N, C-alpha and C. Protein backbone atom coordinates (compact mmCIF):
# COMPACT_ATOMS: atom_id res chain seq x y z
N UNK A 1 -24.10 2.41 -3.94
CA UNK A 1 -23.34 1.20 -4.23
C UNK A 1 -22.21 1.47 -5.23
N UNK A 2 -22.43 2.40 -6.16
CA UNK A 2 -21.41 2.69 -7.15
C UNK A 2 -20.14 3.19 -6.49
N UNK A 3 -20.30 4.05 -5.45
CA UNK A 3 -19.13 4.57 -4.78
C UNK A 3 -18.35 3.45 -4.10
N UNK A 4 -19.08 2.57 -3.44
CA UNK A 4 -18.42 1.47 -2.77
C UNK A 4 -17.75 0.54 -3.77
N UNK A 5 -18.38 0.32 -4.91
CA UNK A 5 -17.81 -0.54 -5.94
C UNK A 5 -16.52 0.05 -6.47
N UNK A 6 -16.52 1.36 -6.74
CA UNK A 6 -15.31 2.00 -7.24
C UNK A 6 -14.17 1.88 -6.24
N UNK A 7 -14.50 2.03 -4.96
CA UNK A 7 -13.47 1.90 -3.94
C UNK A 7 -12.93 0.48 -3.90
N UNK A 8 -13.83 -0.50 -3.98
CA UNK A 8 -13.39 -1.90 -3.95
C UNK A 8 -12.49 -2.22 -5.12
N UNK A 9 -12.85 -1.75 -6.31
CA UNK A 9 -12.02 -1.98 -7.49
C UNK A 9 -10.63 -1.39 -7.28
N UNK A 10 -10.57 -0.18 -6.73
CA UNK A 10 -9.28 0.46 -6.52
C UNK A 10 -8.42 -0.34 -5.55
N UNK A 11 -9.02 -0.84 -4.48
CA UNK A 11 -8.25 -1.60 -3.51
C UNK A 11 -7.79 -2.93 -4.09
N UNK A 12 -8.61 -3.55 -4.93
CA UNK A 12 -8.20 -4.78 -5.59
C UNK A 12 -7.00 -4.52 -6.49
N UNK A 13 -7.02 -3.41 -7.21
CA UNK A 13 -5.90 -3.09 -8.09
C UNK A 13 -4.63 -2.84 -7.30
N UNK A 14 -4.75 -2.21 -6.14
CA UNK A 14 -3.57 -1.99 -5.32
C UNK A 14 -2.99 -3.33 -4.87
N UNK A 15 -3.85 -4.25 -4.53
CA UNK A 15 -3.36 -5.57 -4.14
C UNK A 15 -2.60 -6.22 -5.28
N UNK A 16 -3.08 -6.01 -6.51
CA UNK A 16 -2.38 -6.54 -7.67
C UNK A 16 -1.03 -5.85 -7.83
N UNK A 17 -1.01 -4.54 -7.69
CA UNK A 17 0.22 -3.79 -7.88
C UNK A 17 1.29 -4.22 -6.89
N UNK A 18 0.92 -4.41 -5.64
CA UNK A 18 1.93 -4.74 -4.63
C UNK A 18 2.09 -6.23 -4.45
N UNK A 19 1.43 -7.01 -5.34
CA UNK A 19 1.67 -8.44 -5.41
C UNK A 19 1.39 -9.16 -4.10
N UNK A 20 0.20 -8.89 -3.54
CA UNK A 20 -0.17 -9.54 -2.30
C UNK A 20 -0.81 -10.90 -2.55
N UNK A 21 -0.95 -11.28 -3.78
CA UNK A 21 -1.56 -12.57 -4.10
C UNK A 21 -0.52 -13.67 -4.07
N UNK A 22 -0.85 -14.81 -4.67
CA UNK A 22 0.03 -15.96 -4.63
C UNK A 22 1.38 -15.74 -5.27
N UNK A 23 1.50 -14.80 -6.19
CA UNK A 23 2.79 -14.63 -6.85
C UNK A 23 3.85 -14.14 -5.88
N UNK A 24 3.45 -13.47 -4.79
CA UNK A 24 4.43 -13.06 -3.79
C UNK A 24 5.08 -14.29 -3.17
N UNK A 25 4.27 -15.30 -2.82
CA UNK A 25 4.81 -16.51 -2.25
C UNK A 25 5.63 -17.28 -3.30
N UNK A 26 5.13 -17.28 -4.55
CA UNK A 26 5.79 -18.03 -5.61
C UNK A 26 7.21 -17.55 -5.84
N UNK A 27 7.42 -16.22 -5.76
CA UNK A 27 8.72 -15.67 -6.09
C UNK A 27 9.55 -15.31 -4.85
N UNK A 28 9.12 -15.72 -3.66
CA UNK A 28 9.88 -15.42 -2.46
C UNK A 28 10.96 -16.47 -2.24
N UNK A 29 11.91 -16.15 -1.35
CA UNK A 29 13.03 -17.04 -1.10
C UNK A 29 13.32 -17.04 0.39
N UNK A 30 13.03 -18.16 1.07
CA UNK A 30 13.19 -18.23 2.50
C UNK A 30 14.66 -18.12 2.92
N UNK A 31 15.60 -18.39 2.00
CA UNK A 31 17.01 -18.38 2.35
C UNK A 31 17.67 -17.03 2.08
N UNK A 32 16.92 -16.09 1.55
CA UNK A 32 17.50 -14.77 1.26
C UNK A 32 17.79 -14.05 2.57
N UNK A 33 18.95 -13.40 2.70
CA UNK A 33 19.31 -12.75 3.97
C UNK A 33 18.43 -11.54 4.29
N UNK A 34 18.43 -11.16 5.57
CA UNK A 34 17.71 -9.97 5.97
C UNK A 34 18.23 -8.75 5.21
N UNK A 35 17.34 -7.81 4.96
CA UNK A 35 17.72 -6.58 4.27
C UNK A 35 17.70 -5.44 5.28
N UNK A 36 18.80 -4.69 5.34
CA UNK A 36 18.94 -3.62 6.32
C UNK A 36 19.06 -2.28 5.59
N UNK A 37 18.19 -1.35 5.95
CA UNK A 37 18.23 0.00 5.39
C UNK A 37 17.82 0.97 6.50
N UNK A 38 17.21 2.10 6.14
CA UNK A 38 16.78 3.07 7.14
C UNK A 38 15.31 2.86 7.49
N UNK A 39 14.95 3.25 8.71
CA UNK A 39 13.54 3.26 9.08
C UNK A 39 12.81 4.35 8.28
N UNK A 40 11.49 4.28 8.27
CA UNK A 40 10.68 5.26 7.53
C UNK A 40 9.50 5.64 8.43
N UNK A 41 9.33 6.91 8.70
CA UNK A 41 8.26 7.37 9.58
C UNK A 41 7.09 7.91 8.78
N UNK A 42 5.93 7.34 9.01
CA UNK A 42 4.69 7.82 8.40
C UNK A 42 3.97 8.71 9.41
N UNK A 43 3.82 9.98 9.10
CA UNK A 43 3.03 10.89 9.92
C UNK A 43 1.68 11.09 9.24
N UNK A 44 0.62 10.70 9.91
CA UNK A 44 -0.69 10.77 9.27
C UNK A 44 -1.80 11.18 10.22
N UNK A 45 -2.95 11.44 9.63
CA UNK A 45 -4.17 11.71 10.38
C UNK A 45 -5.27 10.83 9.83
N UNK A 46 -5.84 10.00 10.67
CA UNK A 46 -6.83 9.03 10.23
C UNK A 46 -8.22 9.66 10.14
N UNK A 47 -8.88 9.42 9.02
CA UNK A 47 -10.28 9.80 8.83
C UNK A 47 -11.13 8.53 8.81
N UNK A 48 -12.43 8.71 8.96
CA UNK A 48 -13.34 7.56 8.95
C UNK A 48 -14.35 7.73 7.83
N UNK A 49 -14.38 6.76 6.93
CA UNK A 49 -15.32 6.80 5.81
C UNK A 49 -16.59 6.06 6.22
N UNK A 50 -17.69 6.77 6.23
CA UNK A 50 -18.94 6.16 6.65
C UNK A 50 -19.99 6.34 5.56
N UNK A 51 -20.90 5.38 5.49
CA UNK A 51 -21.99 5.41 4.52
C UNK A 51 -23.31 5.27 5.25
N UNK A 52 -24.23 6.19 4.98
CA UNK A 52 -25.56 6.13 5.58
C UNK A 52 -26.58 6.52 4.53
N UNK A 53 -27.79 6.85 4.98
CA UNK A 53 -28.85 7.20 4.03
C UNK A 53 -28.53 8.46 3.23
N UNK A 54 -27.64 9.29 3.75
CA UNK A 54 -27.26 10.52 3.06
C UNK A 54 -26.10 10.31 2.09
N UNK A 55 -25.57 9.09 2.05
CA UNK A 55 -24.47 8.80 1.15
C UNK A 55 -23.18 8.53 1.91
N UNK A 56 -22.06 8.70 1.23
CA UNK A 56 -20.75 8.44 1.82
C UNK A 56 -20.08 9.75 2.20
N UNK A 57 -19.46 9.76 3.36
CA UNK A 57 -18.75 10.96 3.82
C UNK A 57 -17.47 10.55 4.52
N UNK A 58 -16.52 11.47 4.51
CA UNK A 58 -15.23 11.27 5.17
C UNK A 58 -15.18 12.21 6.36
N UNK A 59 -15.18 11.65 7.57
CA UNK A 59 -15.32 12.47 8.78
C UNK A 59 -14.09 12.28 9.67
N UNK A 60 -13.97 13.17 10.65
CA UNK A 60 -12.87 13.07 11.60
C UNK A 60 -12.99 11.80 12.42
N UNK A 61 -11.85 11.28 12.84
CA UNK A 61 -11.81 10.10 13.68
C UNK A 61 -12.47 10.42 15.03
N UNK A 62 -13.40 9.59 15.48
CA UNK A 62 -14.15 9.89 16.70
C UNK A 62 -14.22 8.71 17.67
N UNK A 63 -13.31 7.74 17.50
CA UNK A 63 -13.37 6.54 18.33
C UNK A 63 -12.30 6.53 19.44
N UNK A 64 -11.72 7.70 19.70
CA UNK A 64 -10.72 7.79 20.76
C UNK A 64 -9.39 7.17 20.36
N UNK A 65 -8.57 6.92 21.37
CA UNK A 65 -7.26 6.35 21.11
C UNK A 65 -7.39 4.95 20.52
N UNK A 66 -6.47 4.62 19.63
CA UNK A 66 -6.49 3.32 18.94
C UNK A 66 -5.05 2.92 18.63
N UNK A 67 -4.89 1.80 17.97
CA UNK A 67 -3.56 1.33 17.56
C UNK A 67 -3.56 1.06 16.07
N UNK A 68 -2.53 1.55 15.39
CA UNK A 68 -2.35 1.24 13.98
C UNK A 68 -1.12 0.36 13.84
N UNK A 69 -1.24 -0.69 13.04
CA UNK A 69 -0.13 -1.62 12.86
C UNK A 69 0.15 -1.83 11.37
N UNK A 70 1.42 -1.98 11.04
CA UNK A 70 1.81 -2.42 9.70
C UNK A 70 1.87 -3.94 9.75
N UNK A 71 1.11 -4.59 8.87
CA UNK A 71 0.91 -6.03 8.95
C UNK A 71 1.36 -6.70 7.66
N UNK A 72 1.99 -7.85 7.80
CA UNK A 72 2.46 -8.65 6.67
C UNK A 72 1.78 -10.02 6.73
N UNK A 73 1.35 -10.50 5.56
CA UNK A 73 0.74 -11.83 5.48
C UNK A 73 -0.46 -12.00 6.39
N UNK A 74 -1.18 -10.91 6.62
CA UNK A 74 -2.42 -10.99 7.37
C UNK A 74 -2.31 -10.86 8.86
N UNK A 75 -1.21 -11.34 9.46
CA UNK A 75 -1.15 -11.30 10.92
C UNK A 75 0.23 -11.04 11.51
N UNK A 76 1.26 -10.90 10.69
CA UNK A 76 2.59 -10.61 11.21
C UNK A 76 2.80 -9.10 11.32
N UNK A 77 2.86 -8.60 12.53
CA UNK A 77 3.00 -7.16 12.77
C UNK A 77 4.48 -6.79 12.72
N UNK A 78 4.81 -5.84 11.85
CA UNK A 78 6.21 -5.39 11.75
C UNK A 78 6.41 -4.03 12.40
N UNK A 79 5.31 -3.32 12.71
CA UNK A 79 5.40 -2.02 13.39
C UNK A 79 4.02 -1.65 13.91
N UNK A 80 3.97 -0.93 15.01
CA UNK A 80 2.69 -0.46 15.53
C UNK A 80 2.91 0.79 16.37
N UNK A 81 1.86 1.58 16.52
CA UNK A 81 1.95 2.79 17.32
C UNK A 81 0.56 3.24 17.73
N UNK A 82 0.52 4.20 18.63
CA UNK A 82 -0.75 4.74 19.13
C UNK A 82 -1.33 5.75 18.16
N UNK A 83 -2.63 5.65 17.94
CA UNK A 83 -3.37 6.72 17.26
C UNK A 83 -3.98 7.60 18.35
N UNK A 84 -3.69 8.88 18.31
CA UNK A 84 -4.25 9.79 19.31
C UNK A 84 -5.76 9.94 19.10
N UNK A 85 -6.42 10.49 20.09
CA UNK A 85 -7.88 10.64 20.02
C UNK A 85 -8.32 11.48 18.84
N UNK A 86 -7.44 12.38 18.37
CA UNK A 86 -7.80 13.23 17.23
C UNK A 86 -7.46 12.57 15.89
N UNK A 87 -6.95 11.33 15.92
CA UNK A 87 -6.66 10.60 14.69
C UNK A 87 -5.22 10.69 14.21
N UNK A 88 -4.40 11.50 14.86
CA UNK A 88 -3.02 11.65 14.40
C UNK A 88 -2.15 10.49 14.89
N UNK A 89 -1.14 10.15 14.09
CA UNK A 89 -0.23 9.08 14.47
C UNK A 89 1.11 9.26 13.76
N UNK A 90 2.13 8.61 14.32
CA UNK A 90 3.46 8.56 13.70
C UNK A 90 3.93 7.11 13.78
N UNK A 91 3.88 6.42 12.66
CA UNK A 91 4.22 5.01 12.60
C UNK A 91 5.61 4.86 11.98
N UNK A 92 6.52 4.22 12.71
CA UNK A 92 7.89 4.02 12.22
C UNK A 92 8.00 2.63 11.61
N UNK A 93 8.15 2.58 10.29
CA UNK A 93 8.37 1.31 9.61
C UNK A 93 9.81 0.86 9.83
N UNK A 94 10.03 -0.44 10.06
CA UNK A 94 11.37 -0.90 10.43
C UNK A 94 12.39 -0.78 9.32
N UNK A 95 13.66 -0.67 9.72
CA UNK A 95 14.75 -0.59 8.75
C UNK A 95 15.32 -1.94 8.37
N UNK A 96 14.90 -2.99 9.06
CA UNK A 96 15.36 -4.35 8.76
C UNK A 96 14.17 -5.26 8.55
N UNK A 97 14.18 -6.01 7.44
CA UNK A 97 13.10 -6.94 7.15
C UNK A 97 13.68 -8.30 6.77
N UNK A 98 13.00 -9.39 7.15
CA UNK A 98 13.50 -10.73 6.81
C UNK A 98 13.53 -10.96 5.31
N UNK A 99 14.55 -11.67 4.85
CA UNK A 99 14.67 -11.94 3.44
C UNK A 99 13.52 -12.74 2.88
N UNK A 100 12.84 -13.53 3.72
CA UNK A 100 11.72 -14.35 3.26
C UNK A 100 10.56 -13.51 2.75
N UNK A 101 10.52 -12.24 3.13
CA UNK A 101 9.43 -11.36 2.69
C UNK A 101 9.63 -10.83 1.27
N UNK A 102 10.81 -11.03 0.70
CA UNK A 102 11.14 -10.37 -0.57
C UNK A 102 10.88 -11.26 -1.78
N UNK A 103 10.54 -10.60 -2.89
CA UNK A 103 10.27 -11.28 -4.15
C UNK A 103 11.15 -10.69 -5.25
N UNK A 104 11.49 -11.51 -6.22
CA UNK A 104 12.30 -11.07 -7.36
C UNK A 104 11.45 -10.18 -8.27
N UNK A 105 11.90 -8.95 -8.48
CA UNK A 105 11.19 -8.06 -9.41
C UNK A 105 11.33 -8.54 -10.85
N UNK A 106 12.42 -9.19 -11.19
CA UNK A 106 12.57 -9.73 -12.55
C UNK A 106 11.56 -10.84 -12.81
N UNK A 107 11.33 -11.69 -11.81
CA UNK A 107 10.34 -12.74 -11.97
C UNK A 107 8.94 -12.15 -12.10
N UNK A 108 8.68 -11.09 -11.34
CA UNK A 108 7.38 -10.43 -11.43
C UNK A 108 7.22 -9.75 -12.78
N UNK A 109 8.31 -9.16 -13.30
CA UNK A 109 8.27 -8.55 -14.63
C UNK A 109 7.92 -9.60 -15.69
N UNK A 110 8.49 -10.79 -15.57
CA UNK A 110 8.19 -11.87 -16.51
C UNK A 110 6.72 -12.27 -16.41
N UNK A 111 6.19 -12.27 -15.19
CA UNK A 111 4.78 -12.62 -14.99
C UNK A 111 3.87 -11.57 -15.59
N UNK A 112 4.26 -10.29 -15.48
CA UNK A 112 3.45 -9.20 -16.03
C UNK A 112 3.54 -9.14 -17.55
N UNK A 113 4.69 -9.55 -18.12
CA UNK A 113 4.86 -9.56 -19.56
C UNK A 113 5.11 -8.18 -20.14
N UNK A 114 5.00 -8.06 -21.45
CA UNK A 114 5.20 -6.77 -22.12
C UNK A 114 6.63 -6.31 -22.07
N UNK A 115 6.81 -4.99 -21.88
CA UNK A 115 8.15 -4.40 -21.90
C UNK A 115 8.71 -4.17 -20.50
N UNK A 116 8.05 -4.65 -19.48
CA UNK A 116 8.50 -4.38 -18.11
C UNK A 116 9.85 -5.03 -17.85
N UNK A 117 10.74 -4.24 -17.25
CA UNK A 117 12.09 -4.73 -16.96
C UNK A 117 12.53 -4.23 -15.59
N UNK A 118 13.11 -5.13 -14.81
CA UNK A 118 13.70 -4.77 -13.53
C UNK A 118 15.20 -4.59 -13.70
N UNK A 119 15.72 -3.48 -13.18
CA UNK A 119 17.15 -3.20 -13.27
C UNK A 119 17.66 -2.79 -11.89
N UNK A 120 18.71 -3.45 -11.35
CA UNK A 120 19.39 -4.61 -11.93
C UNK A 120 18.50 -5.85 -11.89
N UNK A 121 18.93 -6.87 -12.59
CA UNK A 121 18.13 -8.10 -12.69
C UNK A 121 17.92 -8.76 -11.34
N UNK A 122 18.83 -8.52 -10.41
CA UNK A 122 18.78 -9.19 -9.10
C UNK A 122 17.96 -8.44 -8.05
N UNK A 123 17.40 -7.26 -8.39
CA UNK A 123 16.70 -6.46 -7.39
C UNK A 123 15.46 -7.19 -6.88
N UNK A 124 15.20 -7.03 -5.57
CA UNK A 124 14.08 -7.70 -4.95
C UNK A 124 13.20 -6.70 -4.21
N UNK A 125 11.93 -7.09 -4.06
CA UNK A 125 10.89 -6.20 -3.53
C UNK A 125 10.18 -6.83 -2.35
N UNK A 126 9.92 -6.01 -1.34
CA UNK A 126 8.94 -6.35 -0.31
C UNK A 126 7.79 -5.37 -0.48
N UNK A 127 6.61 -5.86 -0.87
CA UNK A 127 5.52 -4.94 -1.16
C UNK A 127 4.18 -5.44 -0.71
N UNK A 128 4.10 -6.05 0.46
CA UNK A 128 2.82 -6.61 0.89
C UNK A 128 2.33 -6.01 2.20
N UNK A 129 2.74 -4.79 2.52
CA UNK A 129 2.35 -4.17 3.78
C UNK A 129 0.90 -3.71 3.76
N UNK A 130 0.15 -4.12 4.76
CA UNK A 130 -1.20 -3.61 4.99
C UNK A 130 -1.20 -2.85 6.31
N UNK A 131 -2.20 -2.01 6.50
CA UNK A 131 -2.28 -1.20 7.71
C UNK A 131 -3.61 -1.46 8.41
N UNK A 132 -3.52 -1.93 9.65
CA UNK A 132 -4.68 -2.35 10.41
C UNK A 132 -4.86 -1.48 11.64
N UNK A 133 -6.09 -1.08 11.90
CA UNK A 133 -6.41 -0.27 13.07
C UNK A 133 -7.27 -1.09 14.02
N UNK A 134 -6.85 -1.14 15.27
CA UNK A 134 -7.64 -1.78 16.33
C UNK A 134 -8.16 -0.68 17.24
N UNK A 135 -9.48 -0.67 17.46
CA UNK A 135 -10.10 0.39 18.25
C UNK A 135 -11.31 -0.17 19.00
N UNK A 136 -11.95 0.68 19.77
CA UNK A 136 -13.12 0.28 20.54
C UNK A 136 -14.31 1.14 20.13
N UNK A 137 -15.44 0.48 19.89
CA UNK A 137 -16.68 1.18 19.56
C UNK A 137 -17.83 0.52 20.30
N UNK A 138 -18.59 1.30 21.03
CA UNK A 138 -19.71 0.78 21.82
C UNK A 138 -19.22 -0.33 22.76
N UNK A 139 -18.05 -0.07 23.35
CA UNK A 139 -17.43 -0.98 24.33
C UNK A 139 -17.04 -2.34 23.76
N UNK A 140 -16.95 -2.42 22.45
CA UNK A 140 -16.56 -3.67 21.81
C UNK A 140 -15.29 -3.46 20.99
N UNK A 141 -14.33 -4.40 21.06
CA UNK A 141 -13.12 -4.27 20.24
C UNK A 141 -13.44 -4.48 18.76
N UNK A 142 -12.89 -3.63 17.94
CA UNK A 142 -13.14 -3.71 16.50
C UNK A 142 -11.83 -3.46 15.74
N UNK A 143 -11.82 -3.87 14.49
CA UNK A 143 -10.65 -3.68 13.63
C UNK A 143 -11.09 -3.25 12.25
N UNK A 144 -10.24 -2.51 11.59
CA UNK A 144 -10.46 -2.16 10.19
C UNK A 144 -9.12 -1.95 9.51
N UNK A 145 -9.10 -2.12 8.20
CA UNK A 145 -7.89 -1.86 7.42
C UNK A 145 -8.01 -0.49 6.77
N UNK A 146 -6.90 0.22 6.74
CA UNK A 146 -6.90 1.56 6.18
C UNK A 146 -5.89 1.64 5.04
N UNK A 147 -6.06 2.65 4.20
CA UNK A 147 -5.11 2.89 3.10
C UNK A 147 -4.97 4.39 2.91
N UNK A 148 -3.94 4.77 2.20
CA UNK A 148 -3.66 6.16 1.91
C UNK A 148 -4.10 6.46 0.49
N UNK A 149 -4.99 7.44 0.33
CA UNK A 149 -5.54 7.73 -1.00
C UNK A 149 -5.99 9.18 -1.09
N UNK A 150 -6.06 9.67 -2.32
CA UNK A 150 -6.74 10.93 -2.60
C UNK A 150 -8.08 10.58 -3.24
N UNK A 151 -9.06 11.47 -3.09
CA UNK A 151 -10.42 11.16 -3.51
C UNK A 151 -10.97 12.21 -4.46
N UNK A 152 -11.92 11.76 -5.27
CA UNK A 152 -12.69 12.68 -6.09
C UNK A 152 -13.77 13.34 -5.23
N UNK A 153 -14.51 14.26 -5.82
CA UNK A 153 -15.53 14.98 -5.07
C UNK A 153 -16.59 14.05 -4.50
N UNK A 154 -16.87 12.94 -5.18
CA UNK A 154 -17.88 12.00 -4.69
C UNK A 154 -17.27 10.92 -3.80
N UNK A 155 -16.00 11.12 -3.41
CA UNK A 155 -15.26 10.23 -2.51
C UNK A 155 -14.88 8.89 -3.12
N UNK A 156 -15.04 8.74 -4.43
CA UNK A 156 -14.41 7.60 -5.08
C UNK A 156 -12.90 7.85 -5.09
N UNK A 157 -12.14 6.78 -5.19
CA UNK A 157 -10.68 6.89 -5.13
C UNK A 157 -10.13 7.50 -6.41
N UNK A 158 -9.27 8.49 -6.26
CA UNK A 158 -8.57 9.08 -7.39
C UNK A 158 -7.20 8.42 -7.55
N UNK A 159 -6.40 8.50 -6.52
CA UNK A 159 -5.08 7.87 -6.51
C UNK A 159 -4.83 7.21 -5.16
N UNK A 160 -4.11 6.11 -5.20
CA UNK A 160 -3.77 5.38 -3.99
C UNK A 160 -2.25 5.33 -3.84
N UNK A 161 -1.80 5.34 -2.59
CA UNK A 161 -0.37 5.39 -2.29
C UNK A 161 -0.01 4.21 -1.40
N UNK A 162 1.14 3.59 -1.70
CA UNK A 162 1.56 2.46 -0.90
C UNK A 162 3.08 2.45 -0.77
N UNK A 163 3.55 1.59 0.11
CA UNK A 163 4.95 1.62 0.52
C UNK A 163 5.63 0.30 0.17
N UNK A 164 6.65 0.39 -0.66
CA UNK A 164 7.49 -0.76 -0.99
C UNK A 164 8.81 -0.67 -0.25
N UNK A 165 9.47 -1.80 -0.10
CA UNK A 165 10.81 -1.85 0.47
C UNK A 165 11.68 -2.63 -0.52
N UNK A 166 12.77 -2.01 -0.96
CA UNK A 166 13.64 -2.59 -1.98
C UNK A 166 14.98 -2.98 -1.36
N UNK A 167 15.59 -4.04 -1.89
CA UNK A 167 16.85 -4.49 -1.31
C UNK A 167 18.07 -3.80 -1.89
N UNK A 168 17.86 -2.93 -2.91
CA UNK A 168 18.97 -2.17 -3.50
C UNK A 168 18.38 -1.10 -4.41
N UNK A 169 19.24 -0.19 -4.88
CA UNK A 169 18.81 0.83 -5.83
C UNK A 169 18.42 0.17 -7.15
N UNK A 170 17.45 0.77 -7.85
CA UNK A 170 17.10 0.20 -9.14
C UNK A 170 15.88 0.84 -9.76
N UNK A 171 15.36 0.17 -10.79
CA UNK A 171 14.17 0.62 -11.49
C UNK A 171 13.28 -0.57 -11.84
N UNK A 172 12.02 -0.28 -12.04
CA UNK A 172 11.04 -1.27 -12.51
C UNK A 172 10.13 -0.51 -13.46
N UNK A 173 10.39 -0.65 -14.76
CA UNK A 173 9.78 0.25 -15.74
C UNK A 173 9.26 -0.54 -16.93
N UNK A 174 8.12 -0.13 -17.44
CA UNK A 174 7.58 -0.73 -18.66
C UNK A 174 6.07 -0.86 -18.62
N UNK A 175 5.54 -1.48 -19.66
CA UNK A 175 4.10 -1.70 -19.80
C UNK A 175 3.84 -3.19 -19.96
N UNK A 176 2.96 -3.72 -19.11
CA UNK A 176 2.65 -5.15 -19.16
C UNK A 176 1.67 -5.49 -20.26
N UNK A 177 1.50 -6.77 -20.50
CA UNK A 177 0.59 -7.21 -21.56
C UNK A 177 -0.86 -6.84 -21.27
N UNK A 178 -1.21 -6.68 -20.01
CA UNK A 178 -2.58 -6.29 -19.65
C UNK A 178 -2.80 -4.79 -19.77
N UNK A 179 -1.72 -4.03 -20.03
CA UNK A 179 -1.82 -2.59 -20.17
C UNK A 179 -1.40 -1.81 -18.94
N UNK A 180 -1.00 -2.49 -17.87
CA UNK A 180 -0.56 -1.80 -16.67
C UNK A 180 0.83 -1.20 -16.88
N UNK A 181 1.01 0.03 -16.42
CA UNK A 181 2.26 0.76 -16.63
C UNK A 181 2.96 0.97 -15.29
N UNK A 182 4.25 0.66 -15.26
CA UNK A 182 5.06 0.84 -14.07
C UNK A 182 6.21 1.80 -14.40
N UNK A 183 6.45 2.75 -13.51
CA UNK A 183 7.57 3.68 -13.67
C UNK A 183 8.17 3.93 -12.29
N UNK A 184 8.86 2.90 -11.79
CA UNK A 184 9.43 2.96 -10.45
C UNK A 184 10.93 3.18 -10.53
N UNK A 185 11.40 4.22 -9.88
CA UNK A 185 12.83 4.46 -9.70
C UNK A 185 13.05 4.61 -8.20
N UNK A 186 13.94 3.81 -7.62
CA UNK A 186 13.99 3.73 -6.17
C UNK A 186 15.41 3.54 -5.67
N UNK A 187 15.58 3.80 -4.39
CA UNK A 187 16.82 3.51 -3.69
C UNK A 187 16.54 2.43 -2.65
N UNK A 188 17.59 1.85 -2.13
CA UNK A 188 17.44 0.78 -1.15
C UNK A 188 16.64 1.26 0.05
N UNK A 189 15.71 0.43 0.50
CA UNK A 189 14.87 0.78 1.64
C UNK A 189 13.45 1.09 1.22
N UNK A 190 12.75 1.84 2.05
CA UNK A 190 11.35 2.16 1.79
C UNK A 190 11.20 3.19 0.69
N UNK A 191 10.18 2.99 -0.15
CA UNK A 191 9.87 3.94 -1.22
C UNK A 191 8.37 4.03 -1.40
N UNK A 192 7.91 5.19 -1.79
CA UNK A 192 6.49 5.48 -1.95
C UNK A 192 6.08 5.37 -3.41
N UNK A 193 4.93 4.75 -3.66
CA UNK A 193 4.42 4.57 -5.02
C UNK A 193 3.00 5.10 -5.11
N UNK A 194 2.72 5.81 -6.21
CA UNK A 194 1.37 6.33 -6.49
C UNK A 194 0.75 5.49 -7.61
N UNK A 195 -0.51 5.10 -7.45
CA UNK A 195 -1.18 4.29 -8.46
C UNK A 195 -2.56 4.85 -8.74
N UNK A 196 -2.99 4.78 -10.01
CA UNK A 196 -4.33 5.25 -10.35
C UNK A 196 -4.87 4.45 -11.54
N UNK A 197 -6.17 4.29 -11.55
CA UNK A 197 -6.84 3.54 -12.61
C UNK A 197 -6.88 4.36 -13.89
N UNK A 198 -6.52 3.73 -15.00
CA UNK A 198 -6.57 4.41 -16.29
C UNK A 198 -7.76 3.97 -17.15
N UNK A 199 -8.30 2.79 -16.85
CA UNK A 199 -9.46 2.29 -17.60
C UNK A 199 -10.29 1.44 -16.65
N UNK A 200 -11.44 1.96 -16.25
CA UNK A 200 -12.28 1.25 -15.29
C UNK A 200 -12.85 -0.05 -15.86
N UNK A 201 -12.99 -0.10 -17.16
CA UNK A 201 -13.55 -1.30 -17.79
C UNK A 201 -12.55 -2.45 -17.79
N UNK A 202 -11.33 -2.15 -18.21
CA UNK A 202 -10.29 -3.19 -18.27
C UNK A 202 -9.51 -3.32 -16.96
N UNK A 203 -9.76 -2.37 -16.06
CA UNK A 203 -9.09 -2.37 -14.74
C UNK A 203 -7.57 -2.24 -14.87
N UNK A 204 -7.12 -1.51 -15.85
CA UNK A 204 -5.69 -1.24 -15.98
C UNK A 204 -5.31 -0.02 -15.15
N UNK A 205 -4.03 0.09 -14.83
CA UNK A 205 -3.58 1.17 -13.97
C UNK A 205 -2.18 1.62 -14.35
N UNK A 206 -1.84 2.82 -13.91
CA UNK A 206 -0.48 3.34 -13.99
C UNK A 206 0.04 3.48 -12.56
N UNK A 207 1.33 3.27 -12.38
CA UNK A 207 1.93 3.50 -11.07
C UNK A 207 3.33 4.06 -11.27
N UNK A 208 3.72 4.93 -10.34
CA UNK A 208 5.04 5.56 -10.43
C UNK A 208 5.58 5.85 -9.04
N UNK A 209 6.87 5.91 -8.95
CA UNK A 209 7.53 6.28 -7.69
C UNK A 209 7.39 7.78 -7.45
N UNK A 210 7.14 8.14 -6.20
CA UNK A 210 7.13 9.55 -5.81
C UNK A 210 7.94 9.67 -4.51
N UNK A 211 8.32 10.89 -4.17
CA UNK A 211 9.22 11.08 -3.02
C UNK A 211 8.49 11.50 -1.75
N UNK A 212 7.34 12.15 -1.88
CA UNK A 212 6.61 12.61 -0.70
C UNK A 212 5.12 12.35 -0.86
N UNK A 213 4.43 12.24 0.25
CA UNK A 213 2.98 12.05 0.23
C UNK A 213 2.32 13.37 -0.17
N UNK A 214 1.51 13.39 -1.22
CA UNK A 214 0.83 14.62 -1.65
C UNK A 214 -0.09 15.16 -0.56
N UNK A 215 -0.28 16.46 -0.56
CA UNK A 215 -1.06 17.11 0.49
C UNK A 215 -2.52 16.66 0.50
N UNK A 216 -3.07 16.25 -0.63
CA UNK A 216 -4.47 15.86 -0.68
C UNK A 216 -4.74 14.42 -0.30
N UNK A 217 -3.69 13.64 -0.02
CA UNK A 217 -3.88 12.23 0.32
C UNK A 217 -4.28 12.09 1.78
N UNK A 218 -5.20 11.17 2.06
CA UNK A 218 -5.71 10.97 3.42
C UNK A 218 -5.75 9.49 3.76
N UNK A 219 -5.56 9.20 5.03
CA UNK A 219 -5.69 7.83 5.56
C UNK A 219 -7.13 7.59 5.96
N UNK A 220 -7.72 6.50 5.46
CA UNK A 220 -9.09 6.16 5.85
C UNK A 220 -9.36 4.69 5.57
N UNK A 221 -10.46 4.22 6.08
CA UNK A 221 -10.88 2.84 5.83
C UNK A 221 -11.46 2.72 4.42
């Protein structure tokens, strides 16, 4: 149970980092124009995290061909592609997103408090992408959500990686009143962020922009 709890805490923190809660709706603007940048291709290999009497293990994908989708707001699919039988996939994230999906980073900085500052003040973020897999098991359709993470030896989450889309070049840097640290430097379009827990008791985290997916990161449920 401890392993599962640690994983759940990590996923909850990622949801906080990418603002998938009510604050995304609070700071969104339905009249903001579409944002156009470059597409972004995710090349990955899906693993399956299973728990049985022997504990938790990360095994090769064994459910045959499937579909992975990038999903917004729970059910709006912005991209999808085939997962091969061996778990490999290439998902192309779109280069154009509706303005209604974006939130003011300055407003989010004010909500986080502390020294966090968005530069320029007008920069906006789309950061609510989830990844859903639809597959078949025992002749029944099934679904699961996956994330990109590196793991410790006991398969608890070490670092988690997620994808933001920005409407212009900028930064989002500082420390919030809760102790969360942000160090994002980005260009217009899709950008990759690494996040990790710094205090399991207070559930604080650090996150920073990175340019490439680390070799130890894996896609799994």
